Structures are given as structure tokens and as C-alpha cells.
Amino acid sequence: MDEFVVYILYSKKFNKNYTGFTSNLIERFKSHNSLGIKGYTLKFRPWEVVYLEFHSCKSDAMNREKYFK
């Protein structure tokens, strides 16, 4: 059974939050702080995890992500 994680990241340097969801938190967190990844989170590194919420259903995780955004 897959587990899905809704997460909120915080960039202290830029005072920004980022909300997302994933089924692989460790790899996703690494990608947000990686040098080679493009996208919104690239310019606000470094990120730290400030909130986690676990779900057994992908649609529940997606709905919670939308709620936080």
C-alpha cells in the first residue's frame, strides 16, 4: 500500500513557504534542494520541512495540498 505525504517547506532566507505532496518524501525533499533541478523552488533554497501529514489515499493528499495552497 502506498503512503502519500503532504508537506510544507520553509525558506528562512526568503521567508517563503512551499506546499506539495509526494509518495517519496526523501527523494522529493532532495530534489527541492538540489542544484540541478529547475522550477519554482530552485531560487528559494535552502528549504526545511516544517510540516508533514500522512495519507493512505492519493486523492486525500491532493485535496489537503490544495487546501493549504
PDB file of N, CA and C in Angstrom:
ATOM      1  N   MET A   1       0.843  -1.189   0.000  1.00  0.00           N
ATOM      2  CA  MET A   1       0.000   0.000   0.000  1.00  0.00           C
ATOM      3  C   MET A   1       0.885   1.248   0.000  1.00  0.00           C
ATOM      4  N   ASP A   2       0.569   2.180  -0.883  1.00  0.00           N
ATOM      5  CA  ASP A   2       1.321   3.427  -0.949  1.00  0.00           C
ATOM      6  C   ASP A   2       0.897   4.373   0.159  1.00  0.00           C
ATOM      7  N   GLU A   3       1.839   5.189   0.553  1.00  0.00           N
ATOM      8  CA  GLU A   3       1.560   6.232   1.535  1.00  0.00           C
ATOM      9  C   GLU A   3       1.925   7.559   0.889  1.00  0.00           C
ATOM     10  N   PHE A   4       1.098   8.553   1.074  1.00  0.00           N
ATOM     11  CA  PHE A   4       1.316   9.860   0.478  1.00  0.00           C
ATOM     12  C   PHE A   4       1.513  10.885   1.587  1.00  0.00           C
ATOM     13  N   VAL A   5       2.402  11.806   1.338  1.00  0.00           N
ATOM     14  CA  VAL A   5       2.765  12.804   2.337  1.00  0.00           C
ATOM     15  C   VAL A   5       2.494  14.190   1.783  1.00  0.00           C
ATOM     16  N   VAL A   6       1.729  14.969   2.521  1.00  0.00           N
ATOM     17  CA  VAL A   6       1.575  16.392   2.239  1.00  0.00           C
ATOM     18  C   VAL A   6       2.638  17.082   3.081  1.00  0.00           C
ATOM     19  N   TYR A   7       3.383  17.992   2.455  1.00  0.00           N
ATOM     20  CA  TYR A   7       4.475  18.640   3.186  1.00  0.00           C
ATOM     21  C   TYR A   7       4.471  20.138   2.936  1.00  0.00           C
ATOM     22  N   ILE A   8       4.979  20.845   3.914  1.00  0.00           N
ATOM     23  CA  ILE A   8       5.197  22.282   3.770  1.00  0.00           C
ATOM     24  C   ILE A   8       6.670  22.533   4.049  1.00  0.00           C
ATOM     25  N   LEU A   9       7.296  23.199   3.096  1.00  0.00           N
ATOM     26  CA  LEU A   9       8.703  23.583   3.222  1.00  0.00           C
ATOM     27  C   LEU A   9       8.765  25.069   3.527  1.00  0.00           C
ATOM     28  N   TYR A  10       9.837  25.459   4.184  1.00  0.00           N
ATOM     29  CA  TYR A  10      10.035  26.872   4.515  1.00  0.00           C
ATOM     30  C   TYR A  10      11.453  27.283   4.154  1.00  0.00           C
ATOM     31  N   SER A  11      11.557  28.422   3.486  1.00  0.00           N
ATOM     32  CA  SER A  11      12.849  29.024   3.176  1.00  0.00           C
ATOM     33  C   SER A  11      13.052  30.216   4.112  1.00  0.00           C
ATOM     34  N   LYS A  12      13.893  30.027   5.089  1.00  0.00           N
ATOM     35  CA  LYS A  12      14.164  31.095   6.064  1.00  0.00           C
ATOM     36  C   LYS A  12      14.809  32.295   5.372  1.00  0.00           C
ATOM     37  N   LYS A  13      15.692  32.011   4.440  1.00  0.00           N
ATOM     38  CA  LYS A  13      16.424  33.072   3.735  1.00  0.00           C
ATOM     39  C   LYS A  13      15.484  34.023   2.992  1.00  0.00           C
ATOM     40  N   PHE A  14      14.393  33.496   2.438  1.00  0.00           N
ATOM     41  CA  PHE A  14      13.466  34.296   1.644  1.00  0.00           C
ATOM     42  C   PHE A  14      12.081  34.434   2.284  1.00  0.00           C
ATOM     43  N   ASN A  15      11.883  33.831   3.470  1.00  0.00           N
ATOM     44  CA  ASN A  15      10.600  33.864   4.172  1.00  0.00           C
ATOM     45  C   ASN A  15       9.460  33.394   3.266  1.00  0.00           C
ATOM     46  N   LYS A  16       9.672  32.240   2.621  1.00  0.00           N
ATOM     47  CA  LYS A  16       8.689  31.662   1.693  1.00  0.00           C
ATOM     48  C   LYS A  16       8.305  30.264   2.144  1.00  0.00           C
ATOM     49  N   ASN A  17       7.050  29.898   1.877  1.00  0.00           N
ATOM     50  CA  ASN A  17       6.562  28.535   2.092  1.00  0.00           C
ATOM     51  C   ASN A  17       6.308  27.881   0.748  1.00  0.00           C
ATOM     52  N   TYR A  18       6.412  26.565   0.719  1.00  0.00           N
ATOM     53  CA  TYR A  18       6.054  25.782  -0.455  1.00  0.00           C
ATOM     54  C   TYR A  18       5.312  24.542   0.025  1.00  0.00           C
ATOM     55  N   THR A  19       4.174  24.253  -0.587  1.00  0.00           N
ATOM     56  CA  THR A  19       3.374  23.093  -0.217  1.00  0.00           C
ATOM     57  C   THR A  19       3.330  22.116  -1.372  1.00  0.00           C
ATOM     58  N   GLY A  20       3.456  20.836  -1.048  1.00  0.00           N
ATOM     59  CA  GLY A  20       3.374  19.808  -2.070  1.00  0.00           C
ATOM     60  C   GLY A  20       2.941  18.484  -1.472  1.00  0.00           C
ATOM     61  N   PHE A  21       2.857  17.462  -2.336  1.00  0.00           N
ATOM     62  CA  PHE A  21       2.602  16.117  -1.844  1.00  0.00           C
ATOM     63  C   PHE A  21       3.410  15.149  -2.685  1.00  0.00           C
ATOM     64  N   THR A  22       3.721  14.010  -2.102  1.00  0.00           N
ATOM     65  CA  THR A  22       4.568  13.024  -2.762  1.00  0.00           C
ATOM     66  C   THR A  22       4.347  11.650  -2.145  1.00  0.00           C
ATOM     67  N   SER A  23       4.816  10.635  -2.850  1.00  0.00           N
ATOM     68  CA  SER A  23       4.837   9.289  -2.276  1.00  0.00           C
ATOM     69  C   SER A  23       6.261   8.905  -1.878  1.00  0.00           C
ATOM     70  N   ASN A  24       7.220   9.812  -2.120  1.00  0.00           N
ATOM     71  CA  ASN A  24       8.621   9.554  -1.764  1.00  0.00           C
ATOM     72  C   ASN A  24       9.219  10.840  -1.191  1.00  0.00           C
ATOM     73  N   LEU A  25       8.992  11.065   0.075  1.00  0.00           N
ATOM     74  CA  LEU A  25       9.372  12.331   0.711  1.00  0.00           C
ATOM     75  C   LEU A  25      10.869  12.605   0.646  1.00  0.00           C
ATOM     76  N   ILE A  26      11.689  11.618   0.923  1.00  0.00           N
ATOM     77  CA  ILE A  26      13.136  11.842   0.959  1.00  0.00           C
ATOM     78  C   ILE A  26      13.646  12.319  -0.400  1.00  0.00           C
ATOM     79  N   GLU A  27      13.281  11.613  -1.455  1.00  0.00           N
ATOM     80  CA  GLU A  27      13.743  11.995  -2.796  1.00  0.00           C
ATOM     81  C   GLU A  27      13.174  13.341  -3.223  1.00  0.00           C
ATOM     82  N   ARG A  28      11.928  13.594  -2.874  1.00  0.00           N
ATOM     83  CA  ARG A  28      11.312  14.870  -3.247  1.00  0.00           C
ATOM     84  C   ARG A  28      11.985  16.023  -2.518  1.00  0.00           C
ATOM     85  N   PHE A  29      12.287  15.854  -1.252  1.00  0.00           N
ATOM     86  CA  PHE A  29      12.979  16.902  -0.500  1.00  0.00           C
ATOM     87  C   PHE A  29      14.357  17.159  -1.081  1.00  0.00           C
ATOM     88  N   LYS A  30      15.063  16.088  -1.418  1.00  0.00           N
ATOM     89  CA  LYS A  30      16.383  16.256  -2.048  1.00  0.00           C
ATOM     90  C   LYS A  30      16.266  17.057  -3.337  1.00  0.00           C
ATOM     91  N   SER A  31      15.236  16.768  -4.126  1.00  0.00           N
ATOM     92  CA  SER A  31      15.090  17.471  -5.402  1.00  0.00           C
ATOM     93  C   SER A  31      14.810  18.958  -5.199  1.00  0.00           C
ATOM     94  N   HIS A  32      14.090  19.316  -4.149  1.00  0.00           N
ATOM     95  CA  HIS A  32      13.817  20.731  -3.887  1.00  0.00           C
ATOM     96  C   HIS A  32      15.099  21.484  -3.525  1.00  0.00           C
ATOM     97  N   ASN A  33      16.054  20.813  -2.911  1.00  0.00           N
ATOM     98  CA  ASN A  33      17.299  21.468  -2.508  1.00  0.00           C
ATOM     99  C   ASN A  33      18.464  21.175  -3.444  1.00  0.00           C
ATOM    100  N   SER A  34      18.227  20.458  -4.522  1.00  0.00           N
ATOM    101  CA  SER A  34      19.277  20.063  -5.451  1.00  0.00           C
ATOM    102  C   SER A  34      19.693  21.219  -6.360  1.00  0.00           C
ATOM    103  N   LEU A  35      20.949  21.217  -6.753  1.00  0.00           N
ATOM    104  CA  LEU A  35      21.458  22.255  -7.644  1.00  0.00           C
ATOM    105  C   LEU A  35      20.958  22.109  -9.072  1.00  0.00           C
ATOM    106  N   GLY A  36      20.726  20.896  -9.523  1.00  0.00           N
ATOM    107  CA  GLY A  36      20.410  20.666 -10.926  1.00  0.00           C
ATOM    108  C   GLY A  36      18.937  20.722 -11.287  1.00  0.00           C
ATOM    109  N   ILE A  37      18.057  20.886 -10.313  1.00  0.00           N
ATOM    110  CA  ILE A  37      16.625  20.849 -10.583  1.00  0.00           C
ATOM    111  C   ILE A  37      16.121  22.255 -10.912  1.00  0.00           C
ATOM    112  N   LYS A  38      15.292  22.346 -11.953  1.00  0.00           N
ATOM    113  CA  LYS A  38      14.704  23.629 -12.333  1.00  0.00           C
ATOM    114  C   LYS A  38      13.301  23.723 -11.742  1.00  0.00           C
ATOM    115  N   GLY A  39      12.791  24.935 -11.649  1.00  0.00           N
ATOM    116  CA  GLY A  39      11.434  25.130 -11.159  1.00  0.00           C
ATOM    117  C   GLY A  39      11.369  26.196 -10.087  1.00  0.00           C
ATOM    118  N   TYR A  40      10.181  26.373  -9.568  1.00  0.00           N
ATOM    119  CA  TYR A  40       9.901  27.423  -8.588  1.00  0.00           C
ATOM    120  C   TYR A  40      10.807  27.352  -7.363  1.00  0.00           C
ATOM    121  N   THR A  41      11.024  26.152  -6.848  1.00  0.00           N
ATOM    122  CA  THR A  41      11.745  26.032  -5.574  1.00  0.00           C
ATOM    123  C   THR A  41      13.244  26.295  -5.710  1.00  0.00           C
ATOM    124  N   LEU A  42      13.761  26.262  -6.928  1.00  0.00           N
ATOM    125  CA  LEU A  42      15.202  26.440  -7.158  1.00  0.00           C
ATOM    126  C   LEU A  42      15.733  27.747  -6.561  1.00  0.00           C
ATOM    127  N   LYS A  43      15.016  28.836  -6.805  1.00  0.00           N
ATOM    128  CA  LYS A  43      15.544  30.152  -6.406  1.00  0.00           C
ATOM    129  C   LYS A  43      15.387  30.478  -4.921  1.00  0.00           C
ATOM    130  N   PHE A  44      14.679  29.632  -4.174  1.00  0.00           N
ATOM    131  CA  PHE A  44      14.444  29.923  -2.757  1.00  0.00           C
ATOM    132  C   PHE A  44      15.155  28.961  -1.809  1.00  0.00           C
ATOM    133  N   ARG A  45      16.109  28.196  -2.317  1.00  0.00           N
ATOM    134  CA  ARG A  45      16.865  27.258  -1.473  1.00  0.00           C
ATOM    135  C   ARG A  45      17.680  28.022  -0.430  1.00  0.00           C
ATOM    136  N   PRO A  46      18.002  27.444   0.675  1.00  0.00           N
ATOM    137  CA  PRO A  46      17.679  26.091   1.108  1.00  0.00           C
ATOM    138  C   PRO A  46      16.289  26.025   1.752  1.00  0.00           C
ATOM    139  N   TRP A  47      15.674  24.857   1.657  1.00  0.00           N
ATOM    140  CA  TRP A  47      14.362  24.583   2.231  1.00  0.00           C
ATOM    141  C   TRP A  47      14.504  23.687   3.450  1.00  0.00           C
ATOM    142  N   GLU A  48      13.599  23.854   4.385  1.00  0.00           N
ATOM    143  CA  GLU A  48      13.498  22.930   5.519  1.00  0.00           C
ATOM    144  C   GLU A  48      12.044  22.484   5.642  1.00  0.00           C
ATOM    145  N   VAL A  49      11.842  21.273   6.085  1.00  0.00           N
ATOM    146  CA  VAL A  49      10.499  20.741   6.278  1.00  0.00           C
ATOM    147  C   VAL A  49       9.946  21.290   7.589  1.00  0.00           C
ATOM    148  N   VAL A  50       8.759  21.900   7.525  1.00  0.00           N
ATOM    149  CA  VAL A  50       8.141  22.443   8.739  1.00  0.00           C
ATOM    150  C   VAL A  50       6.833  21.764   9.088  1.00  0.00           C
ATOM    151  N   TYR A  51       6.285  20.961   8.147  1.00  0.00           N
ATOM    152  CA  TYR A  51       5.012  20.286   8.423  1.00  0.00           C
ATOM    153  C   TYR A  51       4.891  19.050   7.545  1.00  0.00           C
ATOM    154  N   LEU A  52       4.394  17.961   8.123  1.00  0.00           N
ATOM    155  CA  LEU A  52       4.125  16.718   7.399  1.00  0.00           C
ATOM    156  C   LEU A  52       2.762  16.192   7.805  1.00  0.00           C
ATOM    157  N   GLU A  53       2.080  15.606   6.827  1.00  0.00           N
ATOM    158  CA  GLU A  53       0.791  14.986   7.076  1.00  0.00           C
ATOM    159  C   GLU A  53       0.697  13.746   6.187  1.00  0.00           C
ATOM    160  N   PHE A  54       0.393  12.593   6.752  1.00  0.00           N
ATOM    161  CA  PHE A  54       0.418  11.324   6.023  1.00  0.00           C
ATOM    162  C   PHE A  54      -0.993  10.880   5.652  1.00  0.00           C
ATOM    163  N   HIS A  55      -1.119  10.338   4.420  1.00  0.00           N
ATOM    164  CA  HIS A  55      -2.407   9.873   3.911  1.00  0.00           C
ATOM    165  C   HIS A  55      -2.214   8.544   3.191  1.00  0.00           C
ATOM    166  N   SER A  56      -3.217   7.678   3.289  1.00  0.00           N
ATOM    167  CA  SER A  56      -3.165   6.397   2.581  1.00  0.00           C
ATOM    168  C   SER A  56      -3.799   6.499   1.200  1.00  0.00           C
ATOM    169  N   CYS A  57      -4.485   7.573   0.924  1.00  0.00           N
ATOM    170  CA  CYS A  57      -5.184   7.767  -0.345  1.00  0.00           C
ATOM    171  C   CYS A  57      -4.626   8.995  -1.072  1.00  0.00           C
ATOM    172  N   LYS A  58      -4.243   8.806  -2.327  1.00  0.00           N
ATOM    173  CA  LYS A  58      -3.661   9.901  -3.112  1.00  0.00           C
ATOM    174  C   LYS A  58      -4.619  11.082  -3.234  1.00  0.00           C
ATOM    175  N   SER A  59      -5.886  10.816  -3.462  1.00  0.00           N
ATOM    176  CA  SER A  59      -6.848  11.914  -3.628  1.00  0.00           C
ATOM    177  C   SER A  59      -6.993  12.729  -2.341  1.00  0.00           C
ATOM    178  N   ASP A  60      -6.908  12.087  -1.187  1.00  0.00           N
ATOM    179  CA  ASP A  60      -6.945  12.821   0.087  1.00  0.00           C
ATOM    180  C   ASP A  60      -5.735  13.748   0.205  1.00  0.00           C
ATOM    181  N   ALA A  61      -4.573  13.231  -0.166  1.00  0.00           N
ATOM    182  CA  ALA A  61      -3.350  14.044  -0.111  1.00  0.00           C
ATOM    183  C   ALA A  61      -3.446  15.231  -1.069  1.00  0.00           C
ATOM    184  N   MET A  62      -3.961  14.991  -2.260  1.00  0.00           N
ATOM    185  CA  MET A  62      -4.115  16.074  -3.238  1.00  0.00           C
ATOM    186  C   MET A  62      -5.078  17.145  -2.731  1.00  0.00           C
ATOM    187  N   ASN A  63      -6.163  16.717  -2.109  1.00  0.00           N
ATOM    188  CA  ASN A  63      -7.123  17.679  -1.566  1.00  0.00           C
ATOM    189  C   ASN A  63      -6.532  18.504  -0.438  1.00  0.00           C
ATOM    190  N   ARG A  64      -5.751  17.869   0.416  1.00  0.00           N
ATOM    191  CA  ARG A  64      -5.111  18.614   1.519  1.00  0.00           C
ATOM    192  C   ARG A  64      -4.060  19.594   0.983  1.00  0.00           C
ATOM    193  N   GLU A  65      -3.324  19.174  -0.028  1.00  0.00           N
ATOM    194  CA  GLU A  65      -2.357  20.084  -0.649  1.00  0.00           C
ATOM    195  C   GLU A  65      -3.084  21.318  -1.169  1.00  0.00           C
ATOM    196  N   LYS A  66      -4.182  21.130  -1.870  1.00  0.00           N
ATOM    197  CA  LYS A  66      -4.968  22.251  -2.395  1.00  0.00           C
ATOM    198  C   LYS A  66      -5.495  23.129  -1.263  1.00  0.00           C
ATOM    199  N   TYR A  67      -5.903  22.498  -0.163  1.00  0.00           N
ATOM    200  CA  TYR A  67      -6.393  23.250   0.993  1.00  0.00           C
ATOM    201  C   TYR A  67      -5.314  24.202   1.518  1.00  0.00           C
ATOM    202  N   PHE A  68      -4.097  23.703   1.652  1.00  0.00           N
ATOM    203  CA  PHE A  68      -3.005  24.535   2.181  1.00  0.00           C
ATOM    204  C   PHE A  68      -2.563  25.608   1.208  1.00  0.00           C
ATOM    205  N   LYS A  69      -2.694  25.335  -0.078  1.00  0.00           N
ATOM    206  CA  LYS A  69      -2.295  26.337  -1.078  1.00  0.00           C
ATOM    207  C   LYS A  69      -3.340  27.439  -1.139  1.00  0.00           C
TER     208      LYS A  69
END
